[in-house]
């Protein structure tokens, strides 16, 4: 119930989401492609 209340809060302080994920270092393939 607290999460639902917070999600309905009309926040104005944050402008965007930015997430940085380190991905594979090796070359990948699928079914030989």
ModelCIF file with pLDDT and N, C-alpha, C, O atoms, coordinates in Angstrom:
data_MODEL
#
_entry.id   MODEL 
#
_entity.id                         1 
_entity.type                       polymer 
_entity.pdbx_number_of_molecules   1 
#
_entity_poly.entity_id                      1 
_entity_poly.type                           'polypeptide(L)' 
_entity_poly.nstd_linkage                   no 
_entity_poly.nstd_monomer                   no 
_entity_poly.pdbx_seq_one_letter_code       
;(UNK)(UNK)(UNK)(UNK)(UNK)(UNK)(UNK)(UNK)(UNK)(UNK)(UNK)(UNK)(UNK)(UNK)(UNK)(UNK)
(UNK)(UNK)(UNK)(UNK)(UNK)(UNK)(UNK)(UNK)(UNK)(UNK)(UNK)(UNK)(UNK)(UNK)(UNK)(UNK)
(UNK)
;
_entity_poly.pdbx_seq_one_letter_code_can   XXXXXXXXXXXXXXXXXXXXXXXXXXXXXXXXX 
_entity_poly.pdbx_strand_id                 A 
#
loop_
_entity_poly_seq.entity_id 
_entity_poly_seq.num 
_entity_poly_seq.mon_id 
_entity_poly_seq.hetero 
1 1  UNK n 
1 2  UNK n 
1 3  UNK n 
1 4  UNK n 
1 5  UNK n 
1 6  UNK n 
1 7  UNK n 
1 8  UNK n 
1 9  UNK n 
1 10 UNK n 
1 11 UNK n 
1 12 UNK n 
1 13 UNK n 
1 14 UNK n 
1 15 UNK n 
1 16 UNK n 
1 17 UNK n 
1 18 UNK n 
1 19 UNK n 
1 20 UNK n 
1 21 UNK n 
1 22 UNK n 
1 23 UNK n 
1 24 UNK n 
1 25 UNK n 
1 26 UNK n 
1 27 UNK n 
1 28 UNK n 
1 29 UNK n 
1 30 UNK n 
1 31 UNK n 
1 32 UNK n 
1 33 UNK n 
#
_struct_asym.id          A 
_struct_asym.entity_id   1 
#
loop_
_ma_qa_metric.id 
_ma_qa_metric.mode 
_ma_qa_metric.name 
_ma_qa_metric.software_group_id 
_ma_qa_metric.type 
1 global pLDDT . pLDDT 
2 local  pLDDT . pLDDT 
#
_ma_qa_metric_global.metric_id      1 
_ma_qa_metric_global.metric_value   88.52 
_ma_qa_metric_global.model_id       1 
_ma_qa_metric_global.ordinal_id     1 
#
loop_
_ma_qa_metric_local.label_asym_id 
_ma_qa_metric_local.label_comp_id 
_ma_qa_metric_local.label_seq_id 
_ma_qa_metric_local.metric_id 
_ma_qa_metric_local.metric_value 
_ma_qa_metric_local.model_id 
_ma_qa_metric_local.ordinal_id 
A UNK 1  2 70.00 1 1  
A UNK 2  2 70.00 1 2  
A UNK 3  2 72.00 1 3  
A UNK 4  2 73.00 1 4  
A UNK 5  2 76.00 1 5  
A UNK 6  2 75.00 1 6  
A UNK 7  2 78.00 1 7  
A UNK 8  2 77.00 1 8  
A UNK 9  2 80.00 1 9  
A UNK 10 2 83.00 1 10 
A UNK 11 2 86.00 1 11 
A UNK 12 2 86.00 1 12 
A UNK 13 2 88.00 1 13 
A UNK 14 2 92.00 1 14 
A UNK 15 2 94.00 1 15 
A UNK 16 2 96.00 1 16 
A UNK 17 2 96.00 1 17 
A UNK 18 2 96.00 1 18 
A UNK 19 2 95.00 1 19 
A UNK 20 2 94.00 1 20 
A UNK 21 2 93.00 1 21 
A UNK 22 2 93.00 1 22 
A UNK 23 2 95.00 1 23 
A UNK 24 2 96.00 1 24 
A UNK 25 2 95.00 1 25 
A UNK 26 2 95.00 1 26 
A UNK 27 2 96.00 1 27 
A UNK 28 2 98.00 1 28 
A UNK 29 2 97.00 1 29 
A UNK 30 2 97.00 1 30 
A UNK 31 2 96.00 1 31 
A UNK 32 2 96.00 1 32 
A UNK 33 2 97.00 1 33 
#
loop_
_atom_site.group_PDB 
_atom_site.id 
_atom_site.type_symbol 
_atom_site.label_atom_id 
_atom_site.label_alt_id 
_atom_site.label_comp_id 
_atom_site.label_asym_id 
_atom_site.label_entity_id 
_atom_site.label_seq_id 
_atom_site.pdbx_PDB_ins_code 
_atom_site.Cartn_x 
_atom_site.Cartn_y 
_atom_site.Cartn_z 
_atom_site.occupancy 
_atom_site.B_iso_or_equiv 
_atom_site.pdbx_formal_charge 
_atom_site.auth_seq_id 
_atom_site.auth_comp_id 
_atom_site.auth_asym_id 
_atom_site.auth_atom_id 
_atom_site.pdbx_PDB_model_num 
ATOM 1   N N  . UNK A 1 1  ? 0.826  -1.213  0.000   1.00 70.00 ? 1  UNK A N  1 
ATOM 2   C CA . UNK A 1 1  ? 0.000  0.000   0.000   1.00 70.00 ? 1  UNK A CA 1 
ATOM 3   C C  . UNK A 1 1  ? 0.861  1.264   0.000   1.00 70.00 ? 1  UNK A C  1 
ATOM 4   O O  . UNK A 1 1  ? 0.505  2.264   -0.624  1.00 70.00 ? 1  UNK A O  1 
ATOM 5   N N  . UNK A 1 2  ? 1.998  1.214   0.705   1.00 70.00 ? 2  UNK A N  1 
ATOM 6   C CA . UNK A 1 2  ? 2.899  2.358   0.709   1.00 70.00 ? 2  UNK A CA 1 
ATOM 7   C C  . UNK A 1 2  ? 3.496  2.567   -0.685  1.00 70.00 ? 2  UNK A C  1 
ATOM 8   O O  . UNK A 1 2  ? 3.617  3.704   -1.141  1.00 70.00 ? 2  UNK A O  1 
ATOM 9   N N  . UNK A 1 3  ? 3.869  1.481   -1.361  1.00 72.00 ? 3  UNK A N  1 
ATOM 10  C CA . UNK A 1 3  ? 4.421  1.593   -2.713  1.00 72.00 ? 3  UNK A CA 1 
ATOM 11  C C  . UNK A 1 3  ? 3.400  2.215   -3.649  1.00 72.00 ? 3  UNK A C  1 
ATOM 12  O O  . UNK A 1 3  ? 3.743  3.090   -4.443  1.00 72.00 ? 3  UNK A O  1 
ATOM 13  N N  . UNK A 1 4  ? 2.153  1.776   -3.567  1.00 73.00 ? 4  UNK A N  1 
ATOM 14  C CA . UNK A 1 4  ? 1.114  2.336   -4.432  1.00 73.00 ? 4  UNK A CA 1 
ATOM 15  C C  . UNK A 1 4  ? 0.936  3.829   -4.174  1.00 73.00 ? 4  UNK A C  1 
ATOM 16  O O  . UNK A 1 4  ? 0.755  4.613   -5.105  1.00 73.00 ? 4  UNK A O  1 
ATOM 17  N N  . UNK A 1 5  ? 0.989  4.212   -2.895  1.00 76.00 ? 5  UNK A N  1 
ATOM 18  C CA . UNK A 1 5  ? 0.850  5.627   -2.552  1.00 76.00 ? 5  UNK A CA 1 
ATOM 19  C C  . UNK A 1 5  ? 2.002  6.440   -3.136  1.00 76.00 ? 5  UNK A C  1 
ATOM 20  O O  . UNK A 1 5  ? 1.789  7.514   -3.700  1.00 76.00 ? 5  UNK A O  1 
ATOM 21  N N  . UNK A 1 6  ? 3.226  5.923   -3.000  1.00 75.00 ? 6  UNK A N  1 
ATOM 22  C CA . UNK A 1 6  ? 4.396  6.640   -3.516  1.00 75.00 ? 6  UNK A CA 1 
ATOM 23  C C  . UNK A 1 6  ? 4.367  6.742   -5.036  1.00 75.00 ? 6  UNK A C  1 
ATOM 24  O O  . UNK A 1 6  ? 4.778  7.756   -5.600  1.00 75.00 ? 6  UNK A O  1 
ATOM 25  N N  . UNK A 1 7  ? 3.878  5.686   -5.706  1.00 78.00 ? 7  UNK A N  1 
ATOM 26  C CA . UNK A 1 7  ? 3.820  5.704   -7.162  1.00 78.00 ? 7  UNK A CA 1 
ATOM 27  C C  . UNK A 1 7  ? 2.808  6.717   -7.684  1.00 78.00 ? 7  UNK A C  1 
ATOM 28  O O  . UNK A 1 7  ? 2.928  7.196   -8.812  1.00 78.00 ? 7  UNK A O  1 
ATOM 29  N N  . UNK A 1 8  ? 1.819  7.038   -6.871  1.00 77.00 ? 8  UNK A N  1 
ATOM 30  C CA . UNK A 1 8  ? 0.825  8.046   -7.282  1.00 77.00 ? 8  UNK A CA 1 
ATOM 31  C C  . UNK A 1 8  ? 1.283  9.469   -6.983  1.00 77.00 ? 8  UNK A C  1 
ATOM 32  O O  . UNK A 1 8  ? 0.641  10.438  -7.388  1.00 77.00 ? 8  UNK A O  1 
ATOM 33  N N  . UNK A 1 9  ? 2.409  9.582   -6.264  1.00 80.00 ? 9  UNK A N  1 
ATOM 34  C CA . UNK A 1 9  ? 2.931  10.905  -5.914  1.00 80.00 ? 9  UNK A CA 1 
ATOM 35  C C  . UNK A 1 9  ? 3.467  11.581  -7.174  1.00 80.00 ? 9  UNK A C  1 
ATOM 36  O O  . UNK A 1 9  ? 4.347  11.026  -7.833  1.00 80.00 ? 9  UNK A O  1 
ATOM 37  N N  . UNK A 1 10 ? 2.960  12.767  -7.527  1.00 83.00 ? 10 UNK A N  1 
ATOM 38  C CA . UNK A 1 10 ? 3.394  13.436  -8.769  1.00 83.00 ? 10 UNK A CA 1 
ATOM 39  C C  . UNK A 1 10 ? 4.751  14.118  -8.606  1.00 83.00 ? 10 UNK A C  1 
ATOM 40  O O  . UNK A 1 10 ? 4.831  15.336  -8.445  1.00 83.00 ? 10 UNK A O  1 
ATOM 41  N N  . UNK A 1 11 ? 5.817  13.314  -8.650  1.00 86.00 ? 11 UNK A N  1 
ATOM 42  C CA . UNK A 1 11 ? 7.151  13.870  -8.424  1.00 86.00 ? 11 UNK A CA 1 
ATOM 43  C C  . UNK A 1 11 ? 7.527  14.818  -9.562  1.00 86.00 ? 11 UNK A C  1 
ATOM 44  O O  . UNK A 1 11 ? 7.177  14.595  -10.721 1.00 86.00 ? 11 UNK A O  1 
ATOM 45  N N  . UNK A 1 12 ? 8.245  15.875  -9.201  1.00 86.00 ? 12 UNK A N  1 
ATOM 46  C CA . UNK A 1 12 ? 8.704  16.866  -10.174 1.00 86.00 ? 12 UNK A CA 1 
ATOM 47  C C  . UNK A 1 12 ? 10.223 17.028  -10.159 1.00 86.00 ? 12 UNK A C  1 
ATOM 48  O O  . UNK A 1 12 ? 10.777 17.749  -10.989 1.00 86.00 ? 12 UNK A O  1 
ATOM 49  N N  . UNK A 1 13 ? 10.906 16.355  -9.209  1.00 88.00 ? 13 UNK A N  1 
ATOM 50  C CA . UNK A 1 13 ? 12.325 16.608  -9.008  1.00 88.00 ? 13 UNK A CA 1 
ATOM 51  C C  . UNK A 1 13 ? 13.248 15.846  -9.928  1.00 88.00 ? 13 UNK A C  1 
ATOM 52  O O  . UNK A 1 13 ? 14.409 16.229  -10.077 1.00 88.00 ? 13 UNK A O  1 
ATOM 53  N N  . UNK A 1 14 ? 12.767 14.759  -10.563 1.00 92.00 ? 14 UNK A N  1 
ATOM 54  C CA . UNK A 1 14 ? 13.625 13.927  -11.405 1.00 92.00 ? 14 UNK A CA 1 
ATOM 55  C C  . UNK A 1 14 ? 13.180 14.063  -12.854 1.00 92.00 ? 14 UNK A C  1 
ATOM 56  O O  . UNK A 1 14 ? 11.986 14.013  -13.149 1.00 92.00 ? 14 UNK A O  1 
ATOM 57  N N  . UNK A 1 15 ? 14.140 14.235  -13.757 1.00 94.00 ? 15 UNK A N  1 
ATOM 58  C CA . UNK A 1 15 ? 13.818 14.520  -15.154 1.00 94.00 ? 15 UNK A CA 1 
ATOM 59  C C  . UNK A 1 15 ? 13.965 13.320  -16.075 1.00 94.00 ? 15 UNK A C  1 
ATOM 60  O O  . UNK A 1 15 ? 13.304 13.265  -17.112 1.00 94.00 ? 15 UNK A O  1 
ATOM 61  N N  . UNK A 1 16 ? 14.813 12.356  -15.727 1.00 96.00 ? 16 UNK A N  1 
ATOM 62  C CA . UNK A 1 16 ? 15.057 11.238  -16.638 1.00 96.00 ? 16 UNK A CA 1 
ATOM 63  C C  . UNK A 1 16 ? 15.670 10.078  -15.874 1.00 96.00 ? 16 UNK A C  1 
ATOM 64  O O  . UNK A 1 16 ? 16.174 10.238  -14.762 1.00 96.00 ? 16 UNK A O  1 
ATOM 65  N N  . UNK A 1 17 ? 15.616 8.914   -16.490 1.00 96.00 ? 17 UNK A N  1 
ATOM 66  C CA . UNK A 1 17 ? 16.264 7.709   -15.973 1.00 96.00 ? 17 UNK A CA 1 
ATOM 67  C C  . UNK A 1 17 ? 17.491 7.412   -16.825 1.00 96.00 ? 17 UNK A C  1 
ATOM 68  O O  . UNK A 1 17 ? 17.414 7.435   -18.053 1.00 96.00 ? 17 UNK A O  1 
ATOM 69  N N  . UNK A 1 18 ? 18.627 7.132   -16.178 1.00 96.00 ? 18 UNK A N  1 
ATOM 70  C CA . UNK A 1 18 ? 19.857 6.776   -16.893 1.00 96.00 ? 18 UNK A CA 1 
ATOM 71  C C  . UNK A 1 18 ? 20.463 5.559   -16.210 1.00 96.00 ? 18 UNK A C  1 
ATOM 72  O O  . UNK A 1 18 ? 20.816 5.620   -15.033 1.00 96.00 ? 18 UNK A O  1 
ATOM 73  N N  . UNK A 1 19 ? 20.587 4.463   -16.936 1.00 95.00 ? 19 UNK A N  1 
ATOM 74  C CA . UNK A 1 19 ? 21.187 3.258   -16.365 1.00 95.00 ? 19 UNK A CA 1 
ATOM 75  C C  . UNK A 1 19 ? 22.332 2.779   -17.253 1.00 95.00 ? 19 UNK A C  1 
ATOM 76  O O  . UNK A 1 19 ? 22.214 2.752   -18.477 1.00 95.00 ? 19 UNK A O  1 
ATOM 77  N N  . UNK A 1 20 ? 23.432 2.406   -16.624 1.00 94.00 ? 20 UNK A N  1 
ATOM 78  C CA . UNK A 1 20 ? 24.651 1.997   -17.324 1.00 94.00 ? 20 UNK A CA 1 
ATOM 79  C C  . UNK A 1 20 ? 24.906 0.524   -17.024 1.00 94.00 ? 20 UNK A C  1 
ATOM 80  O O  . UNK A 1 20 ? 25.078 0.144   -15.866 1.00 94.00 ? 20 UNK A O  1 
ATOM 81  N N  . UNK A 1 21 ? 24.932 -0.306  -18.067 1.00 93.00 ? 21 UNK A N  1 
ATOM 82  C CA . UNK A 1 21 ? 25.082 -1.755  -17.891 1.00 93.00 ? 21 UNK A CA 1 
ATOM 83  C C  . UNK A 1 21 ? 26.296 -2.239  -18.684 1.00 93.00 ? 21 UNK A C  1 
ATOM 84  O O  . UNK A 1 21 ? 26.333 -2.077  -19.904 1.00 93.00 ? 21 UNK A O  1 
ATOM 85  N N  . UNK A 1 22 ? 27.292 -2.833  -18.011 1.00 93.00 ? 22 UNK A N  1 
ATOM 86  C CA . UNK A 1 22 ? 28.406 -3.431  -18.749 1.00 93.00 ? 22 UNK A CA 1 
ATOM 87  C C  . UNK A 1 22 ? 27.953 -4.705  -19.446 1.00 93.00 ? 22 UNK A C  1 
ATOM 88  O O  . UNK A 1 22 ? 27.443 -5.625  -18.805 1.00 93.00 ? 22 UNK A O  1 
ATOM 89  N N  . UNK A 1 23 ? 28.140 -4.756  -20.752 1.00 95.00 ? 23 UNK A N  1 
ATOM 90  C CA . UNK A 1 23 ? 27.658 -5.888  -21.529 1.00 95.00 ? 23 UNK A CA 1 
ATOM 91  C C  . UNK A 1 23 ? 28.748 -6.877  -21.876 1.00 95.00 ? 23 UNK A C  1 
ATOM 92  O O  . UNK A 1 23 ? 29.840 -6.815  -21.311 1.00 95.00 ? 23 UNK A O  1 
ATOM 93  N N  . UNK A 1 24 ? 28.475 -7.785  -22.791 1.00 96.00 ? 24 UNK A N  1 
ATOM 94  C CA . UNK A 1 24 ? 29.431 -8.850  -23.145 1.00 96.00 ? 24 UNK A CA 1 
ATOM 95  C C  . UNK A 1 24 ? 30.713 -8.282  -23.751 1.00 96.00 ? 24 UNK A C  1 
ATOM 96  O O  . UNK A 1 24 ? 30.678 -7.347  -24.551 1.00 96.00 ? 24 UNK A O  1 
ATOM 97  N N  . UNK A 1 25 ? 31.831 -8.860  -23.358 1.00 95.00 ? 25 UNK A N  1 
ATOM 98  C CA . UNK A 1 25 ? 33.117 -8.474  -23.923 1.00 95.00 ? 25 UNK A CA 1 
ATOM 99  C C  . UNK A 1 25 ? 33.491 -9.355  -25.108 1.00 95.00 ? 25 UNK A C  1 
ATOM 100 O O  . UNK A 1 25 ? 34.324 -8.972  -25.930 1.00 95.00 ? 25 UNK A O  1 
ATOM 101 N N  . UNK A 1 26 ? 32.878 -10.536 -25.197 1.00 95.00 ? 26 UNK A N  1 
ATOM 102 C CA . UNK A 1 26 ? 33.193 -11.452 -26.292 1.00 95.00 ? 26 UNK A CA 1 
ATOM 103 C C  . UNK A 1 26 ? 32.156 -11.314 -27.409 1.00 95.00 ? 26 UNK A C  1 
ATOM 104 O O  . UNK A 1 26 ? 31.037 -10.855 -27.178 1.00 95.00 ? 26 UNK A O  1 
ATOM 105 N N  . UNK A 1 27 ? 32.540 -11.712 -28.604 1.00 96.00 ? 27 UNK A N  1 
ATOM 106 C CA . UNK A 1 27 ? 31.633 -11.677 -29.742 1.00 96.00 ? 27 UNK A CA 1 
ATOM 107 C C  . UNK A 1 27 ? 30.575 -12.764 -29.573 1.00 96.00 ? 27 UNK A C  1 
ATOM 108 O O  . UNK A 1 27 ? 30.904 -13.912 -29.277 1.00 96.00 ? 27 UNK A O  1 
ATOM 109 N N  . UNK A 1 28 ? 29.307 -12.404 -29.761 1.00 98.00 ? 28 UNK A N  1 
ATOM 110 C CA . UNK A 1 28 ? 28.196 -13.332 -29.595 1.00 98.00 ? 28 UNK A CA 1 
ATOM 111 C C  . UNK A 1 28 ? 27.636 -13.747 -30.948 1.00 98.00 ? 28 UNK A C  1 
ATOM 112 O O  . UNK A 1 28 ? 27.808 -13.059 -31.954 1.00 98.00 ? 28 UNK A O  1 
ATOM 113 N N  . UNK A 1 29 ? 26.964 -14.891 -30.942 1.00 97.00 ? 29 UNK A N  1 
ATOM 114 C CA . UNK A 1 29 ? 26.256 -15.335 -32.139 1.00 97.00 ? 29 UNK A CA 1 
ATOM 115 C C  . UNK A 1 29 ? 25.023 -16.117 -31.713 1.00 97.00 ? 29 UNK A C  1 
ATOM 116 O O  . UNK A 1 29 ? 24.947 -16.625 -30.594 1.00 97.00 ? 29 UNK A O  1 
ATOM 117 N N  . UNK A 1 30 ? 24.066 -16.204 -32.619 1.00 97.00 ? 30 UNK A N  1 
ATOM 118 C CA . UNK A 1 30 ? 22.870 -17.005 -32.381 1.00 97.00 ? 30 UNK A CA 1 
ATOM 119 C C  . UNK A 1 30 ? 22.633 -17.875 -33.606 1.00 97.00 ? 30 UNK A C  1 
ATOM 120 O O  . UNK A 1 30 ? 22.494 -17.372 -34.720 1.00 97.00 ? 30 UNK A O  1 
ATOM 121 N N  . UNK A 1 31 ? 22.589 -19.180 -33.389 1.00 96.00 ? 31 UNK A N  1 
ATOM 122 C CA . UNK A 1 31 ? 22.407 -20.138 -34.481 1.00 96.00 ? 31 UNK A CA 1 
ATOM 123 C C  . UNK A 1 31 ? 23.403 -19.876 -35.604 1.00 96.00 ? 31 UNK A C  1 
ATOM 124 O O  . UNK A 1 31 ? 23.077 -19.994 -36.785 1.00 96.00 ? 31 UNK A O  1 
ATOM 125 N N  . UNK A 1 32 ? 24.619 -19.517 -35.211 1.00 96.00 ? 32 UNK A N  1 
ATOM 126 C CA . UNK A 1 32 ? 25.682 -19.276 -36.181 1.00 96.00 ? 32 UNK A CA 1 
ATOM 127 C C  . UNK A 1 32 ? 25.664 -17.901 -36.801 1.00 96.00 ? 32 UNK A C  1 
ATOM 128 O O  . UNK A 1 32 ? 26.555 -17.576 -37.587 1.00 96.00 ? 32 UNK A O  1 
ATOM 129 N N  . UNK A 1 33 ? 24.661 -17.062 -36.471 1.00 97.00 ? 33 UNK A N  1 
ATOM 130 C CA . UNK A 1 33 ? 24.601 -15.695 -37.015 1.00 97.00 ? 33 UNK A CA 1 
ATOM 131 C C  . UNK A 1 33 ? 25.285 -14.742 -36.036 1.00 97.00 ? 33 UNK A C  1 
ATOM 132 O O  . UNK A 1 33 ? 25.351 -13.539 -36.290 1.00 97.00 ? 33 UNK A O  1 
#
